[in-house]
Amino acid sequence: MPKQKTHSGAKKRFSLTGTGKVKGRHGMSSHNLEHKSAKRKRDFARPIMMHDDTAPRIKKLLGK
């Protein structure tokens, strides 16, 4: 049986931490920035840990 290929889009957007959590970027962070507060825009720059419901799907795409 052939090997599972890693999803090209997922490998560019997500990474795994040492403990196995999925790290990614905030959504809604690259458009309509005029009406968003400075604090909110600063927080977009920091990565977030994906929700526990979403993480298994992303791990499957990453081949983990």
N, C-alpha and C. Protein backbone atom coordinates (compact mmCIF):
# COMPACT_ATOMS: atom_id res chain seq x y z
N MET A 1 0.84 -1.19 0.00
CA MET A 1 0.00 0.00 0.00
C MET A 1 0.89 1.25 0.00
N PRO A 2 0.56 2.26 -0.82
CA PRO A 2 1.42 3.44 -0.90
C PRO A 2 1.36 4.29 0.37
N LYS A 3 2.39 5.11 0.54
CA LYS A 3 2.44 5.98 1.70
C LYS A 3 1.41 7.10 1.60
N GLN A 4 0.96 7.58 2.76
CA GLN A 4 0.05 8.71 2.82
C GLN A 4 0.83 9.99 2.54
N LYS A 5 0.32 10.83 1.63
CA LYS A 5 1.01 12.09 1.34
C LYS A 5 0.52 13.18 2.29
N THR A 6 1.44 14.05 2.67
CA THR A 6 1.10 15.20 3.51
C THR A 6 0.37 16.23 2.66
N HIS A 7 -0.67 16.83 3.22
CA HIS A 7 -1.44 17.85 2.52
C HIS A 7 -0.59 19.11 2.39
N SER A 8 -0.33 19.55 1.15
CA SER A 8 0.58 20.67 0.92
C SER A 8 0.11 21.96 1.57
N GLY A 9 -1.20 22.23 1.53
CA GLY A 9 -1.72 23.45 2.14
C GLY A 9 -1.59 23.41 3.65
N ALA A 10 -1.82 22.26 4.25
CA ALA A 10 -1.77 22.14 5.71
C ALA A 10 -0.35 22.28 6.23
N LYS A 11 0.62 21.72 5.51
CA LYS A 11 1.99 21.79 6.02
C LYS A 11 2.55 23.21 5.98
N LYS A 12 1.97 24.08 5.13
CA LYS A 12 2.39 25.48 5.08
C LYS A 12 1.73 26.31 6.18
N ARG A 13 0.60 25.86 6.70
CA ARG A 13 -0.18 26.68 7.62
C ARG A 13 -0.13 26.23 9.08
N PHE A 14 0.17 24.97 9.32
CA PHE A 14 0.12 24.45 10.68
C PHE A 14 1.43 23.76 11.04
N SER A 15 1.72 23.72 12.34
CA SER A 15 2.87 22.97 12.82
C SER A 15 2.49 22.33 14.15
N LEU A 16 3.24 21.31 14.53
CA LEU A 16 2.98 20.62 15.78
C LEU A 16 3.99 21.06 16.83
N THR A 17 3.51 21.21 18.06
CA THR A 17 4.40 21.52 19.17
C THR A 17 5.04 20.23 19.66
N GLY A 18 5.95 20.35 20.58
CA GLY A 18 6.61 19.17 21.13
C GLY A 18 5.66 18.24 21.86
N THR A 19 4.60 18.80 22.42
CA THR A 19 3.63 17.99 23.15
C THR A 19 2.53 17.44 22.26
N GLY A 20 2.57 17.78 20.95
CA GLY A 20 1.60 17.23 20.01
C GLY A 20 0.40 18.12 19.73
N LYS A 21 0.41 19.34 20.27
CA LYS A 21 -0.68 20.26 19.97
C LYS A 21 -0.45 20.88 18.60
N VAL A 22 -1.54 21.34 17.97
CA VAL A 22 -1.45 21.94 16.64
C VAL A 22 -1.43 23.46 16.77
N LYS A 23 -0.41 24.07 16.18
CA LYS A 23 -0.24 25.52 16.25
C LYS A 23 -0.53 26.11 14.88
N GLY A 24 -1.26 27.24 14.85
CA GLY A 24 -1.58 27.87 13.59
C GLY A 24 -1.80 29.36 13.75
N ARG A 25 -2.20 30.00 12.67
CA ARG A 25 -2.43 31.44 12.67
C ARG A 25 -3.89 31.75 12.95
N HIS A 26 -4.13 32.98 13.38
CA HIS A 26 -5.49 33.46 13.58
C HIS A 26 -6.19 33.63 12.23
N GLY A 27 -7.49 33.42 12.22
CA GLY A 27 -8.27 33.76 11.05
C GLY A 27 -8.67 35.23 11.09
N MET A 28 -9.18 35.74 9.98
CA MET A 28 -9.68 37.12 9.87
C MET A 28 -8.61 38.16 10.13
N SER A 29 -7.34 37.85 9.87
CA SER A 29 -6.26 38.75 10.26
C SER A 29 -5.63 39.51 9.10
N SER A 30 -6.16 39.36 7.88
CA SER A 30 -5.45 39.98 6.76
C SER A 30 -6.32 40.90 5.90
N HIS A 31 -7.52 41.21 6.34
CA HIS A 31 -8.35 42.13 5.56
C HIS A 31 -9.29 42.87 6.50
N ASN A 32 -9.82 44.00 6.00
CA ASN A 32 -10.73 44.86 6.79
C ASN A 32 -10.12 45.24 8.14
N LEU A 33 -8.87 45.70 8.11
CA LEU A 33 -8.16 45.98 9.36
C LEU A 33 -8.47 47.36 9.92
N GLU A 34 -9.16 48.20 9.15
CA GLU A 34 -9.42 49.57 9.60
C GLU A 34 -10.28 49.62 10.85
N HIS A 35 -11.27 48.77 10.93
CA HIS A 35 -12.20 48.85 12.05
C HIS A 35 -11.82 47.95 13.23
N LYS A 36 -10.73 47.21 13.09
CA LYS A 36 -10.29 46.35 14.20
C LYS A 36 -9.35 47.14 15.11
N SER A 37 -9.43 46.87 16.40
CA SER A 37 -8.63 47.63 17.36
C SER A 37 -7.16 47.24 17.25
N ALA A 38 -6.30 48.12 17.73
CA ALA A 38 -4.86 47.87 17.68
C ALA A 38 -4.50 46.64 18.50
N LYS A 39 -5.17 46.46 19.63
CA LYS A 39 -4.90 45.30 20.48
C LYS A 39 -5.26 44.01 19.75
N ARG A 40 -6.39 44.04 19.08
CA ARG A 40 -6.84 42.85 18.34
C ARG A 40 -5.86 42.51 17.22
N LYS A 41 -5.38 43.54 16.52
CA LYS A 41 -4.44 43.31 15.43
C LYS A 41 -3.10 42.80 15.95
N ARG A 42 -2.67 43.28 17.11
CA ARG A 42 -1.44 42.77 17.72
C ARG A 42 -1.58 41.29 18.07
N ASP A 43 -2.74 40.93 18.59
CA ASP A 43 -2.98 39.54 18.98
C ASP A 43 -3.00 38.60 17.78
N PHE A 44 -3.37 39.12 16.60
CA PHE A 44 -3.36 38.30 15.40
C PHE A 44 -1.95 37.81 15.07
N ALA A 45 -0.94 38.57 15.46
CA ALA A 45 0.44 38.23 15.12
C ALA A 45 0.94 37.00 15.87
N ARG A 46 0.34 36.74 17.02
CA ARG A 46 0.78 35.60 17.83
C ARG A 46 0.07 34.32 17.36
N PRO A 47 0.79 33.21 17.30
CA PRO A 47 0.12 31.97 16.90
C PRO A 47 -0.84 31.48 17.99
N ILE A 48 -1.78 30.65 17.59
CA ILE A 48 -2.74 30.08 18.54
C ILE A 48 -2.69 28.56 18.46
N MET A 49 -3.14 27.93 19.53
CA MET A 49 -3.29 26.49 19.53
C MET A 49 -4.67 26.17 18.99
N MET A 50 -4.75 25.27 18.04
CA MET A 50 -6.03 24.91 17.45
C MET A 50 -6.91 24.21 18.48
N HIS A 51 -8.20 24.37 18.32
CA HIS A 51 -9.17 23.79 19.24
C HIS A 51 -9.09 22.27 19.22
N ASP A 52 -9.44 21.65 20.33
CA ASP A 52 -9.36 20.19 20.45
C ASP A 52 -10.24 19.47 19.43
N ASP A 53 -11.33 20.12 18.98
CA ASP A 53 -12.21 19.49 18.00
C ASP A 53 -11.59 19.49 16.61
N THR A 54 -10.77 20.51 16.32
CA THR A 54 -10.18 20.68 14.99
C THR A 54 -8.86 19.95 14.84
N ALA A 55 -8.12 19.81 15.93
CA ALA A 55 -6.77 19.27 15.89
C ALA A 55 -6.66 17.88 15.23
N PRO A 56 -7.54 16.93 15.51
CA PRO A 56 -7.39 15.61 14.87
C PRO A 56 -7.48 15.66 13.35
N ARG A 57 -8.34 16.54 12.81
CA ARG A 57 -8.45 16.65 11.35
C ARG A 57 -7.16 17.21 10.75
N ILE A 58 -6.57 18.20 11.42
CA ILE A 58 -5.34 18.79 10.92
C ILE A 58 -4.19 17.79 11.01
N LYS A 59 -4.14 17.04 12.10
CA LYS A 59 -3.09 16.03 12.26
C LYS A 59 -3.17 14.97 11.17
N LYS A 60 -4.37 14.62 10.78
CA LYS A 60 -4.54 13.65 9.72
C LYS A 60 -3.98 14.19 8.39
N LEU A 61 -4.23 15.49 8.13
CA LEU A 61 -3.70 16.11 6.92
C LEU A 61 -2.18 16.18 6.95
N LEU A 62 -1.61 16.35 8.15
CA LEU A 62 -0.16 16.42 8.30
C LEU A 62 0.49 15.03 8.30
N GLY A 63 -0.32 13.99 8.33
CA GLY A 63 0.21 12.63 8.31
C GLY A 63 0.68 12.14 9.66
N LYS A 64 0.13 12.68 10.73
CA LYS A 64 0.53 12.29 12.08
C LYS A 64 -0.55 11.47 12.74
